[in-house]
């Protein structure tokens, strides 16, 4: 495979990884974790970073639900 094809594939992979990392950063912000470090986790660690962000607990960020304990049925 010629060198220029490898370079093009590398650039395409980096661009794709950038956009995916941006989306996972949005997920972290929605979960209430608004630090920029989660973008870098997703960008540099790829799959491990994606799993890390997916496993973050919800801190009641931008998409906080309307859960109320009074809505639960009596047992």
C-alpha atoms as a PDB file:
ATOM      1  CA  UNK A   1       0.000   0.000   0.000  1.00  0.00           C
ATOM      2  CA  UNK A   2       1.458   3.373  -0.958  1.00  0.00           C
ATOM      3  CA  UNK A   3       2.455   5.797   1.766  1.00  0.00           C
ATOM      4  CA  UNK A   4      -0.001   8.490   0.708  1.00  0.00           C
ATOM      5  CA  UNK A   5      -2.914   6.052   1.136  1.00  0.00           C
ATOM      6  CA  UNK A   6      -1.762   5.296   4.683  1.00  0.00           C
ATOM      7  CA  UNK A   7      -1.524   9.007   5.452  1.00  0.00           C
ATOM      8  CA  UNK A   8      -5.019   9.636   4.088  1.00  0.00           C
ATOM      9  CA  UNK A   9      -6.417   6.756   6.167  1.00  0.00           C
ATOM     10  CA  UNK A  10      -4.666   8.073   9.277  1.00  0.00           C
ATOM     11  CA  UNK A  11      -6.087  11.562   8.750  1.00  0.00           C
ATOM     12  CA  UNK A  12      -9.588  10.145   8.185  1.00  0.00           C
ATOM     13  CA  UNK A  13      -9.309   8.055  11.353  1.00  0.00           C
ATOM     14  CA  UNK A  14      -8.246  11.108  13.375  1.00  0.00           C
ATOM     15  CA  UNK A  15     -11.096  13.214  11.990  1.00  0.00           C
ATOM     16  CA  UNK A  16     -13.612  10.473  12.765  1.00  0.00           C
ATOM     17  CA  UNK A  17     -12.169  10.055  16.256  1.00  0.00           C
ATOM     18  CA  UNK A  18     -12.466  13.822  16.807  1.00  0.00           C
ATOM     19  CA  UNK A  19     -16.179  13.850  15.959  1.00  0.00           C
ATOM     20  CA  UNK A  20     -16.887  10.766  18.073  1.00  0.00           C
ATOM     21  CA  UNK A  21     -14.981  12.308  20.996  1.00  0.00           C
ATOM     22  CA  UNK A  22     -17.076  15.482  20.632  1.00  0.00           C
ATOM     23  CA  UNK A  23     -20.248  13.422  20.914  1.00  0.00           C
ATOM     24  CA  UNK A  24     -18.986  11.576  23.993  1.00  0.00           C
ATOM     25  CA  UNK A  25     -18.035  14.934  25.517  1.00  0.00           C
ATOM     26  CA  UNK A  26     -21.662  16.019  24.994  1.00  0.00           C
ATOM     27  CA  UNK A  27     -22.786  12.836  26.773  1.00  0.00           C
ATOM     28  CA  UNK A  28     -20.491  13.637  29.713  1.00  0.00           C
ATOM     29  CA  UNK A  29     -21.886  17.174  29.891  1.00  0.00           C
ATOM     30  CA  UNK A  30     -25.459  15.839  29.834  1.00  0.00           C
ATOM     31  CA  UNK A  31     -24.537  13.575  32.750  1.00  0.00           C
ATOM     32  CA  UNK A  32     -23.263  16.598  34.691  1.00  0.00           C
ATOM     33  CA  UNK A  33     -19.527  16.178  34.111  1.00  0.00           C
ATOM     34  CA  UNK A  34     -18.605  19.406  32.310  1.00  0.00           C
ATOM     35  CA  UNK A  35     -14.799  19.183  32.340  1.00  0.00           C
ATOM     36  CA  UNK A  36     -12.936  19.237  29.028  1.00  0.00           C
ATOM     37  CA  UNK A  37     -10.855  16.230  30.123  1.00  0.00           C
ATOM     38  CA  UNK A  38     -13.606  13.841  29.044  1.00  0.00           C
ATOM     39  CA  UNK A  39     -13.131  14.936  25.437  1.00  0.00           C
ATOM     40  CA  UNK A  40      -9.444  14.053  25.709  1.00  0.00           C
ATOM     41  CA  UNK A  41     -10.236  10.726  27.389  1.00  0.00           C
ATOM     42  CA  UNK A  42     -12.475   9.818  24.467  1.00  0.00           C
ATOM     43  CA  UNK A  43     -10.047  11.142  21.854  1.00  0.00           C
ATOM     44  CA  UNK A  44      -6.810   9.563  23.092  1.00  0.00           C
ATOM     45  CA  UNK A  45      -8.110   6.388  24.749  1.00  0.00           C
ATOM     46  CA  UNK A  46     -10.800   5.680  22.110  1.00  0.00           C
ATOM     47  CA  UNK A  47     -12.703   2.547  23.172  1.00  0.00           C
ATOM     48  CA  UNK A  48     -11.561   2.665  26.806  1.00  0.00           C
ATOM     49  CA  UNK A  49     -12.449   6.357  26.958  1.00  0.00           C
ATOM     50  CA  UNK A  50     -15.871   5.681  25.451  1.00  0.00           C
ATOM     51  CA  UNK A  51     -16.543   3.045  28.089  1.00  0.00           C
ATOM     52  CA  UNK A  52     -15.290   5.348  30.839  1.00  0.00           C
ATOM     53  CA  UNK A  53     -17.678   8.117  29.805  1.00  0.00           C
ATOM     54  CA  UNK A  54     -20.545   5.667  29.385  1.00  0.00           C
ATOM     55  CA  UNK A  55     -19.977   4.395  32.937  1.00  0.00           C
ATOM     56  CA  UNK A  56     -19.987   7.868  34.530  1.00  0.00           C
ATOM     57  CA  UNK A  57     -22.795   8.280  37.057  1.00  0.00           C
ATOM     58  CA  UNK A  58     -25.478  10.847  36.369  1.00  0.00           C
ATOM     59  CA  UNK A  59     -24.954  13.987  38.451  1.00  0.00           C
ATOM     60  CA  UNK A  60     -28.137  15.673  37.275  1.00  0.00           C
ATOM     61  CA  UNK A  61     -26.687  17.594  34.355  1.00  0.00           C
ATOM     62  CA  UNK A  62     -28.482  19.311  31.497  1.00  0.00           C
ATOM     63  CA  UNK A  63     -30.866  16.396  30.911  1.00  0.00           C
ATOM     64  CA  UNK A  64     -31.892  15.789  34.506  1.00  0.00           C
ATOM     65  CA  UNK A  65     -35.017  13.691  34.772  1.00  0.00           C
ATOM     66  CA  UNK A  66     -38.068  14.545  36.807  1.00  0.00           C
ATOM     67  CA  UNK A  67     -37.795  11.643  39.238  1.00  0.00           C
ATOM     68  CA  UNK A  68     -39.668  12.088  42.489  1.00  0.00           C
ATOM     69  CA  UNK A  69     -39.720   9.475  45.228  1.00  0.00           C
ATOM     70  CA  UNK A  70     -43.419  10.205  45.824  1.00  0.00           C
ATOM     71  CA  UNK A  71     -44.137   8.667  42.410  1.00  0.00           C
ATOM     72  CA  UNK A  72     -43.052   5.221  43.614  1.00  0.00           C
ATOM     73  CA  UNK A  73     -45.765   2.732  44.569  1.00  0.00           C
ATOM     74  CA  UNK A  74     -46.086   1.481  48.146  1.00  0.00           C
ATOM     75  CA  UNK A  75     -44.713  -2.002  48.713  1.00  0.00           C
END
